[in-house]
Amino acid sequence: MRAPIRYEWDLGKREQNLAKHGLAFEDACQVFESALKWDFPSARAGVEERRIATAFTPAAQAVCILVYVARADSVRCISFRRASKREREEYREYLGEDRQLHK
């Protein structure tokens, strides 16, 4: 049996993200753990490698973007927001589907 994934974040950043995007980091697991997650490295350079994950989230009823850092024992949430129209289109192409995704 696989151990549960531990999520972490800066409390101030969590509050900023909630105010700006209306999404709580507590729901970011819905992107990270999705069977239909599209995950790739961020172009942004830094000390730790940031990654971007895209998936539909039931909490937001939308395709969302999670920017995170994978650590040895946790996933550190950096940003969690709804995907833009362009990002939703790219995600649909990734899935190889022609059906309309939730907006």
Foldseek 3Di string as FASTA:
>chain_A
DDDDAAEAEDPVLQVVQCVPAVDGPVQVVQQVVDPLKDKDWDPDDDPFTKMWIWDQGPVVLAIKIWIWGDDPRHIYTRHIHGDDPVRLVVSCVVVVDPDDGGD
